[in-house]
Amino acid sequence: MNQTDNKPFAYKTSSELKRARFIFWIFKYPGIANALQQLLKIALKLNLPVGFILKKTVYGHFVGGGSIEKSNDVIERMAVYGVQSILDYSVEGGKDEKGFRHALIETRRTIYNASENQNIPFAVFKPSALTYEWVLKQENKPELDRETRAFEKRMCMLFKLAHDQHVPLLVDAEDVAFQDIIDHIVEKGMRIFNKAEPIVYQTLQMYRTDRLDYLKRLIQDAEKGNYSLGIKLVRGAYLEKEREIAAAQGQQSPVYPDKEGTDNAYNDALRLCMQHFDRVAVFNGTHNKQSCDLLKQLMKEKGLDNTDKNVYFAQLYGMSDDLSFNLASESYNVAKYLPYGPVKQVMPYLMRRAEENSAVEDQADNEYKEITNELKRRKQGNHGNKQ
């Protein structure tokens, strides 16, 4: 790590920061952001050539590149400052057998790549890229059993490869309607492949009101089965969607009604994981500084070194650089989720980034202010000659 210049935006050029400032300025105004999203959806549906514009704006800011190889430059630039990367093939929702095979092959590539690159501590995949939506929902169809077995086989192939390559594998969480079958398969995977070390990581979206109790059950099962738990905690990615679906079906919302409920559940989950640290490896996936400070405090109370391999802090690439790089400067394990993939195929991911930044109070405004302050520092000559 370059100890002489480890400020949060040191790896970014001034032109990249100006692009980021423009993007977060848009996100500050949900009306503008939503209108641009709708225009973009229409343009993509009509196959208009918008790829160049996207690469110069949101795609260029939030995505590492079109492939693993094209993401290497970003990986190396962040690694100089002690921030690692997790390559995320951000293609959402499988469409057919060809698409499932492609997602499987690409995820296998990320596992092999992680095994060869010390700057990539984890691999990750989205289960929805590996099967049909109706399989995830477990809808009653004649071929459900066969396709469910095929889905489980694909996931277990990835678990085994990760185990053989000693690469921890994060299984992303999905919609509530999809999650039950994923939970079932991931739990089986942890029992089989987490005997010697945490390899398979389950992701818990803590905006769900049932996840804290679920975590308690996982810990009990791990203790009974004598295996390690890999737990990735996030607040959640489908908030408004889950509320709308529940309302349309006349059901109680599966998520907390306010941010305070989610924050409390998240922090309680951190405390629970650290209480059982002999059994649980913690992946703290959040942009919330208070939760990061809490985990730092819990580690200190446990007498853990900042570099303990079973505790990771993680943020999304393109967001919260101040948090990520400051944690890294204190020698904590820090990684950025680094999406990659073709422009059109990662658009659902980018749309969600736009929606979250527009919806979460103060998120876009804080990013905008941090970037603006950094550009001012550079203009005043206090940050070298980054161009």
Protein backbone atom coordinates (compact mmCIF):
# COMPACT_ATOMS: atom_id res chain seq x y z
CA MET A 1 0.00 0.00 0.00
CA ASN A 2 1.21 3.50 -0.77
CA GLN A 3 1.21 5.03 2.70
CA THR A 4 2.11 8.51 1.43
CA ASP A 5 -1.10 9.04 -0.51
CA ASN A 6 -3.97 6.91 0.73
CA LYS A 7 -6.76 9.45 0.52
CA PRO A 8 -10.13 8.04 -0.58
CA PHE A 9 -10.06 9.33 -4.16
CA ALA A 10 -6.36 8.98 -4.87
CA TYR A 11 -6.93 6.24 -7.45
CA LYS A 12 -9.36 8.38 -9.45
CA THR A 13 -8.38 10.96 -12.05
CA SER A 14 -9.97 14.39 -11.90
CA SER A 15 -11.92 13.69 -15.09
CA GLU A 16 -13.34 10.53 -13.49
CA LEU A 17 -14.34 12.52 -10.43
CA LYS A 18 -16.08 15.15 -12.56
CA ARG A 19 -18.07 12.38 -14.22
CA ALA A 20 -18.97 10.98 -10.79
CA ARG A 21 -20.04 14.41 -9.54
CA PHE A 22 -22.34 14.82 -12.54
CA ILE A 23 -23.91 11.38 -11.96
CA PHE A 24 -24.58 11.99 -8.28
CA TRP A 25 -25.93 15.45 -9.05
CA ILE A 26 -28.56 13.74 -11.18
CA PHE A 27 -29.31 11.22 -8.43
CA LYS A 28 -29.93 14.09 -6.02
CA TYR A 29 -33.08 14.87 -8.00
CA PRO A 30 -35.27 11.73 -8.23
CA GLY A 31 -37.57 13.31 -10.81
CA ILE A 32 -34.71 13.89 -13.23
CA ALA A 33 -33.16 10.49 -12.50
CA ASN A 34 -36.46 8.66 -13.06
CA ALA A 35 -37.15 10.50 -16.32
CA LEU A 36 -33.69 9.62 -17.66
CA GLN A 37 -34.18 5.98 -16.64
CA GLN A 38 -37.44 5.78 -18.58
CA LEU A 39 -35.81 7.33 -21.64
CA LEU A 40 -32.96 4.86 -21.36
CA LYS A 41 -35.32 1.90 -21.13
CA ILE A 42 -37.08 3.05 -24.30
CA ALA A 43 -33.77 3.57 -26.10
CA LEU A 44 -32.58 0.07 -25.18
CA LYS A 45 -35.90 -1.47 -26.22
CA LEU A 46 -35.59 0.24 -29.60
CA ASN A 47 -31.95 -0.90 -29.89
CA LEU A 48 -30.75 2.67 -30.20
CA PRO A 49 -26.93 3.05 -30.02
CA VAL A 50 -26.64 4.35 -26.44
CA GLY A 51 -23.72 2.16 -25.40
CA PHE A 52 -21.15 4.88 -25.99
CA ILE A 53 -23.05 7.37 -23.81
CA LEU A 54 -23.48 4.81 -21.02
CA LYS A 55 -19.80 3.91 -21.01
CA LYS A 56 -18.99 7.59 -20.57
CA THR A 57 -21.47 7.96 -17.70
CA VAL A 58 -23.13 5.45 -15.33
CA TYR A 59 -21.60 2.30 -16.81
CA GLY A 60 -18.13 3.80 -16.68
CA HIS A 61 -18.62 4.87 -13.07
CA PHE A 62 -20.23 1.75 -11.57
CA VAL A 63 -18.80 -1.06 -13.74
CA GLY A 64 -15.25 -2.37 -14.01
CA GLY A 65 -15.46 -3.31 -17.67
CA GLY A 66 -17.01 -5.62 -20.21
CA SER A 67 -15.00 -8.67 -19.11
CA ILE A 68 -12.71 -9.98 -16.37
CA GLU A 69 -9.66 -8.92 -18.34
CA LYS A 70 -10.98 -5.41 -19.00
CA SER A 71 -11.58 -4.96 -15.25
CA ASN A 72 -7.94 -5.59 -14.31
CA ASP A 73 -6.95 -1.94 -14.56
CA VAL A 74 -9.48 -0.93 -11.90
CA ILE A 75 -8.50 -3.89 -9.70
CA GLU A 76 -4.82 -2.94 -9.80
CA ARG A 77 -5.46 0.76 -9.21
CA MET A 78 -7.45 0.09 -6.03
CA ALA A 79 -5.05 -2.59 -4.80
CA VAL A 80 -2.27 0.01 -4.55
CA TYR A 81 -4.26 1.49 -1.65
CA GLY A 82 -5.13 -1.78 0.05
CA VAL A 83 -8.65 -2.10 -1.37
CA GLN A 84 -9.40 -5.47 -2.95
CA SER A 85 -12.04 -6.35 -5.55
CA ILE A 86 -14.81 -8.91 -5.95
CA LEU A 87 -15.69 -9.46 -9.58
CA ASP A 88 -19.44 -9.67 -10.02
CA TYR A 89 -20.80 -10.89 -13.35
CA SER A 90 -23.84 -8.63 -13.14
CA VAL A 91 -26.25 -10.39 -15.45
CA GLU A 92 -29.64 -10.76 -13.78
CA GLY A 93 -32.37 -13.24 -14.50
CA GLY A 94 -31.72 -16.35 -16.58
CA LYS A 95 -33.75 -16.66 -19.79
CA ASP A 96 -32.94 -20.09 -21.23
CA GLU A 97 -30.57 -23.03 -21.04
CA LYS A 98 -27.97 -21.26 -23.16
CA GLY A 99 -28.03 -18.30 -20.80
CA PHE A 100 -27.73 -20.55 -17.74
CA ARG A 101 -24.71 -22.34 -19.19
CA HIS A 102 -23.05 -19.05 -20.05
CA ALA A 103 -23.59 -17.69 -16.51
CA LEU A 104 -22.26 -20.94 -15.04
CA ILE A 105 -19.15 -20.86 -17.22
CA GLU A 106 -18.52 -17.19 -16.45
CA THR A 107 -18.87 -17.75 -12.71
CA ARG A 108 -16.43 -20.65 -12.92
CA ARG A 109 -14.01 -18.27 -14.63
CA THR A 110 -14.32 -15.79 -11.77
CA ILE A 111 -13.54 -18.54 -9.24
CA TYR A 112 -10.42 -19.61 -11.11
CA ASN A 113 -9.43 -15.98 -11.55
CA ALA A 114 -9.83 -15.29 -7.83
CA SER A 115 -7.68 -18.31 -6.99
CA GLU A 116 -4.85 -16.77 -9.05
CA ASN A 117 -5.16 -13.14 -7.95
CA GLN A 118 -4.41 -12.10 -4.36
CA ASN A 119 -6.32 -8.87 -4.91
CA ILE A 120 -9.59 -10.81 -5.37
CA PRO A 121 -10.53 -12.49 -2.05
CA PHE A 122 -14.00 -13.80 -3.02
CA ALA A 123 -16.08 -14.90 -5.97
CA VAL A 124 -19.81 -14.19 -6.22
CA PHE A 125 -22.84 -15.11 -8.29
CA LYS A 126 -26.56 -14.41 -8.61
CA PRO A 127 -28.71 -17.56 -8.46
CA SER A 128 -31.31 -15.96 -10.75
CA ALA A 129 -28.81 -16.18 -13.60
CA LEU A 130 -28.81 -19.98 -13.33
CA THR A 131 -32.47 -20.96 -13.70
CA TYR A 132 -35.96 -19.91 -14.72
CA GLU A 133 -37.96 -17.49 -12.60
CA TRP A 134 -40.73 -20.05 -12.15
CA VAL A 135 -38.20 -22.48 -10.66
CA LEU A 136 -37.13 -19.87 -8.12
CA LYS A 137 -40.78 -19.25 -7.28
CA GLN A 138 -41.37 -23.05 -7.15
CA GLU A 139 -44.47 -22.74 -9.29
CA ASN A 140 -46.34 -25.97 -9.85
CA LYS A 141 -45.33 -27.20 -13.30
CA PRO A 142 -44.79 -30.76 -14.59
CA GLU A 143 -41.09 -30.15 -15.05
CA LEU A 144 -40.52 -28.40 -11.70
CA ASP A 145 -38.72 -31.30 -9.99
CA ARG A 146 -36.38 -31.83 -12.94
CA GLU A 147 -35.50 -28.15 -13.31
CA THR A 148 -35.07 -27.71 -9.56
CA ARG A 149 -32.57 -30.57 -9.56
CA ALA A 150 -30.75 -28.98 -12.50
CA PHE A 151 -30.61 -25.66 -10.64
CA GLU A 152 -29.25 -27.30 -7.50
CA LYS A 153 -26.67 -29.18 -9.56
CA ARG A 154 -25.39 -25.94 -11.11
CA MET A 155 -25.06 -24.29 -7.71
CA CYS A 156 -23.33 -27.31 -6.20
CA MET A 157 -20.85 -27.39 -9.09
CA LEU A 158 -19.86 -23.85 -8.16
CA PHE A 159 -19.67 -24.72 -4.45
CA LYS A 160 -17.37 -27.67 -5.16
CA LEU A 161 -15.11 -25.69 -7.47
CA ALA A 162 -14.82 -22.91 -4.89
CA HIS A 163 -14.01 -25.49 -2.24
CA ASP A 164 -11.37 -27.15 -4.40
CA GLN A 165 -9.79 -23.78 -5.26
CA HIS A 166 -10.05 -22.45 -1.66
CA VAL A 167 -12.02 -19.42 -2.86
CA PRO A 168 -14.86 -18.20 -0.61
CA LEU A 169 -18.05 -17.90 -2.68
CA LEU A 170 -20.76 -15.32 -1.97
CA VAL A 171 -24.29 -16.32 -2.99
CA ASP A 172 -26.24 -13.13 -3.62
CA ALA A 173 -29.72 -12.74 -2.15
CA GLU A 174 -32.75 -12.33 -4.39
CA ASP A 175 -36.44 -11.34 -4.20
CA VAL A 176 -38.35 -12.77 -1.24
CA ALA A 177 -40.40 -14.90 -3.66
CA PHE A 178 -37.18 -16.51 -4.94
CA GLN A 179 -35.29 -16.94 -1.70
CA ASP A 180 -36.72 -20.10 -0.10
CA ILE A 181 -35.31 -22.54 -2.63
CA ILE A 182 -32.00 -20.65 -2.67
CA ASP A 183 -31.81 -20.81 1.14
CA HIS A 184 -32.41 -24.55 1.02
CA ILE A 185 -29.61 -25.18 -1.48
CA VAL A 186 -27.12 -22.82 0.19
CA GLU A 187 -27.72 -24.42 3.59
CA LYS A 188 -26.95 -27.85 2.11
CA GLY A 189 -23.84 -26.40 0.49
CA MET A 190 -22.56 -24.96 3.75
CA ARG A 191 -23.04 -28.26 5.58
CA ILE A 192 -21.00 -30.09 2.94
CA PHE A 193 -18.30 -27.61 1.94
CA ASN A 194 -17.72 -25.49 5.07
CA LYS A 195 -16.22 -28.20 7.27
CA ALA A 196 -12.60 -27.01 7.15
CA GLU A 197 -13.13 -23.32 6.36
CA PRO A 198 -15.97 -20.96 5.37
CA ILE A 199 -16.35 -21.37 1.61
CA VAL A 200 -20.07 -20.95 0.89
CA TYR A 201 -21.44 -17.61 2.14
CA GLN A 202 -25.16 -17.04 2.62
CA THR A 203 -26.42 -13.48 2.07
CA LEU A 204 -29.01 -12.04 4.45
CA GLN A 205 -31.00 -8.95 3.47
CA MET A 206 -31.65 -7.45 6.86
CA TYR A 207 -34.57 -5.29 5.75
CA ARG A 208 -36.51 -8.56 5.92
CA THR A 209 -38.28 -8.93 9.24
CA ASP A 210 -37.56 -12.69 9.40
CA ARG A 211 -33.81 -12.70 8.80
CA LEU A 212 -32.58 -12.22 12.36
CA ASP A 213 -34.45 -15.34 13.50
CA TYR A 214 -33.19 -17.12 10.39
CA LEU A 215 -29.61 -16.22 11.34
CA LYS A 216 -30.15 -17.67 14.80
CA ARG A 217 -31.36 -20.93 13.23
CA LEU A 218 -28.34 -21.03 10.92
CA ILE A 219 -25.97 -20.63 13.87
CA GLN A 220 -27.72 -23.42 15.78
CA ASP A 221 -27.50 -25.71 12.75
CA ALA A 222 -23.80 -24.92 12.24
CA GLU A 223 -23.05 -25.71 15.86
CA LYS A 224 -25.01 -28.95 15.66
CA GLY A 225 -23.42 -29.95 12.35
CA ASN A 226 -19.93 -28.76 13.28
CA TYR A 227 -19.33 -26.56 10.24
CA SER A 228 -18.46 -22.91 9.64
CA LEU A 229 -20.99 -20.30 8.62
CA GLY A 230 -20.12 -17.74 5.99
CA ILE A 231 -22.52 -14.82 6.48
CA LYS A 232 -22.75 -11.81 4.21
CA LEU A 233 -24.93 -9.07 5.67
CA VAL A 234 -26.59 -6.41 3.53
CA ARG A 235 -29.50 -4.11 4.17
CA GLY A 236 -31.35 -5.09 0.99
CA ALA A 237 -31.73 -4.29 -2.67
CA TYR A 238 -35.43 -4.61 -3.55
CA LEU A 239 -37.20 -2.50 -0.93
CA GLU A 240 -39.91 -0.75 -2.94
CA LYS A 241 -40.48 -3.81 -5.14
CA GLU A 242 -41.14 -6.04 -2.11
CA ARG A 243 -43.59 -3.57 -0.63
CA GLU A 244 -45.47 -3.19 -3.91
CA ILE A 245 -45.75 -6.95 -4.45
CA ALA A 246 -47.01 -7.53 -0.91
CA ALA A 247 -49.59 -4.74 -1.26
CA ALA A 248 -50.80 -6.07 -4.61
CA GLN A 249 -51.26 -9.55 -3.12
CA GLY A 250 -52.94 -8.24 0.01
CA GLN A 251 -50.16 -9.62 2.19
CA GLN A 252 -48.13 -8.15 5.01
CA SER A 253 -44.91 -6.54 3.83
CA PRO A 254 -41.88 -8.79 4.41
CA VAL A 255 -39.63 -5.78 5.05
CA TYR A 256 -39.41 -3.31 7.90
CA PRO A 257 -41.64 -0.23 7.55
CA ASP A 258 -38.81 2.19 8.26
CA LYS A 259 -35.04 2.58 8.05
CA GLU A 260 -34.67 2.37 11.83
CA GLY A 261 -36.03 -1.16 11.87
CA THR A 262 -33.61 -2.26 9.19
CA ASP A 263 -30.66 -0.54 10.86
CA ASN A 264 -31.43 -2.16 14.21
CA ALA A 265 -31.79 -5.62 12.67
CA TYR A 266 -28.55 -5.20 10.73
CA ASN A 267 -26.58 -4.16 13.78
CA ASP A 268 -28.14 -6.91 15.90
CA ALA A 269 -27.05 -9.40 13.23
CA LEU A 270 -23.48 -8.07 13.44
CA ARG A 271 -23.53 -8.50 17.22
CA LEU A 272 -24.92 -12.03 16.91
CA CYS A 273 -22.28 -13.04 14.38
CA MET A 274 -19.48 -11.71 16.56
CA GLN A 275 -20.90 -13.44 19.64
CA HIS A 276 -20.43 -16.68 17.70
CA PHE A 277 -17.23 -15.71 15.94
CA ASP A 278 -15.71 -19.14 16.57
CA ARG A 279 -18.35 -20.42 14.15
CA VAL A 280 -19.17 -17.44 11.90
CA ALA A 281 -17.14 -15.57 9.28
CA VAL A 282 -18.56 -12.08 8.72
CA PHE A 283 -18.84 -10.18 5.45
CA ASN A 284 -20.08 -6.68 6.30
CA GLY A 285 -21.60 -5.39 3.05
CA THR A 286 -22.71 -1.86 3.83
CA HIS A 287 -22.21 1.84 3.07
CA ASN A 288 -23.33 2.71 6.58
CA LYS A 289 -20.47 4.14 8.63
CA GLN A 290 -22.23 3.49 11.94
CA SER A 291 -22.44 -0.23 11.18
CA CYS A 292 -18.78 -0.29 10.17
CA ASP A 293 -17.82 1.50 13.38
CA LEU A 294 -19.87 -1.02 15.35
CA LEU A 295 -18.06 -3.95 13.74
CA LYS A 296 -14.70 -2.32 14.43
CA GLN A 297 -15.72 -1.96 18.08
CA LEU A 298 -16.90 -5.59 18.27
CA MET A 299 -13.62 -6.78 16.78
CA LYS A 300 -11.69 -4.78 19.36
CA GLU A 301 -13.78 -6.23 22.19
CA LYS A 302 -13.00 -9.70 20.87
CA GLY A 303 -9.29 -8.90 20.75
CA LEU A 304 -9.17 -9.52 17.01
CA ASP A 305 -6.51 -8.10 14.75
CA ASN A 306 -7.75 -5.65 12.11
CA THR A 307 -6.53 -8.07 9.43
CA ASP A 308 -8.41 -11.12 10.73
CA LYS A 309 -9.26 -13.12 7.60
CA ASN A 310 -12.78 -13.95 8.80
CA VAL A 311 -13.96 -10.33 8.87
CA TYR A 312 -14.44 -8.30 5.69
CA PHE A 313 -15.86 -4.86 4.99
CA ALA A 314 -17.29 -4.27 1.52
CA GLN A 315 -18.89 -1.51 -0.51
CA LEU A 316 -20.01 -1.17 -4.11
CA TYR A 317 -17.58 0.15 -6.68
CA GLY A 318 -18.44 3.75 -7.49
CA MET A 319 -19.81 4.49 -4.03
CA SER A 320 -18.51 5.31 -0.54
CA ASP A 321 -14.84 5.58 -1.46
CA ASP A 322 -14.25 7.63 1.67
CA LEU A 323 -15.45 4.72 3.82
CA SER A 324 -13.64 1.99 1.88
CA PHE A 325 -10.25 3.65 1.62
CA ASN A 326 -10.23 4.94 5.19
CA LEU A 327 -10.95 1.41 6.45
CA ALA A 328 -8.14 0.09 4.28
CA SER A 329 -5.76 2.71 5.67
CA GLU A 330 -6.43 1.20 9.12
CA SER A 331 -5.48 -2.25 7.72
CA TYR A 332 -8.98 -3.73 7.81
CA ASN A 333 -9.88 -6.20 5.07
CA VAL A 334 -11.82 -4.16 2.50
CA ALA A 335 -13.19 -5.12 -0.90
CA LYS A 336 -15.22 -3.36 -3.55
CA TYR A 337 -17.99 -5.24 -5.35
CA LEU A 338 -16.84 -4.73 -8.95
CA PRO A 339 -19.54 -5.49 -11.54
CA TYR A 340 -18.57 -6.41 -15.08
CA GLY A 341 -20.32 -7.49 -18.24
CA PRO A 342 -21.73 -6.19 -21.53
CA VAL A 343 -23.53 -2.85 -21.36
CA LYS A 344 -27.05 -4.08 -22.13
CA GLN A 345 -26.82 -7.09 -19.83
CA VAL A 346 -25.78 -5.09 -16.77
CA MET A 347 -28.48 -2.45 -17.24
CA PRO A 348 -30.80 -3.98 -14.58
CA TYR A 349 -27.93 -3.64 -12.12
CA LEU A 350 -27.31 -0.02 -13.14
CA MET A 351 -31.02 0.78 -12.92
CA ARG A 352 -31.07 -0.52 -9.37
CA ARG A 353 -28.04 1.60 -8.47
CA ALA A 354 -29.84 4.66 -9.80
CA GLU A 355 -33.05 3.83 -7.93
CA GLU A 356 -31.25 3.18 -4.64
CA ASN A 357 -29.18 6.34 -4.82
CA SER A 358 -32.27 8.38 -5.61
CA ALA A 359 -34.39 6.74 -2.90
CA VAL A 360 -31.95 6.53 0.03
CA GLU A 361 -32.02 9.78 1.95
CA ASP A 362 -28.75 11.74 1.79
CA GLN A 363 -26.84 9.00 -0.12
CA ALA A 364 -26.46 10.87 -3.39
CA ASP A 365 -26.03 14.22 -1.67
CA ASN A 366 -23.21 12.89 0.53
CA GLU A 367 -21.43 11.35 -2.45
CA TYR A 368 -21.79 14.61 -4.38
CA LYS A 369 -20.36 16.67 -1.50
CA GLU A 370 -17.39 14.34 -0.93
CA ILE A 371 -16.46 14.40 -4.61
CA THR A 372 -16.92 18.16 -4.87
CA ASN A 373 -14.64 18.70 -1.88
CA GLU A 374 -11.99 16.44 -3.40
CA LEU A 375 -12.06 18.36 -6.67
CA LYS A 376 -11.66 21.61 -4.71
CA ARG A 377 -8.65 20.19 -2.89
CA ARG A 378 -7.05 19.23 -6.17
CA LYS A 379 -7.72 22.62 -7.67
CA GLN A 380 -6.02 24.22 -4.70
CA GLY A 381 -3.01 21.97 -5.24
CA ASN A 382 -3.37 19.96 -2.05
CA HIS A 383 -3.63 16.57 -3.70
CA GLY A 384 -0.81 16.30 -6.19
CA ASN A 385 -1.30 16.61 -9.90
CA LYS A 386 -3.99 14.05 -10.65
CA GLN A 387 -5.58 14.83 -14.02
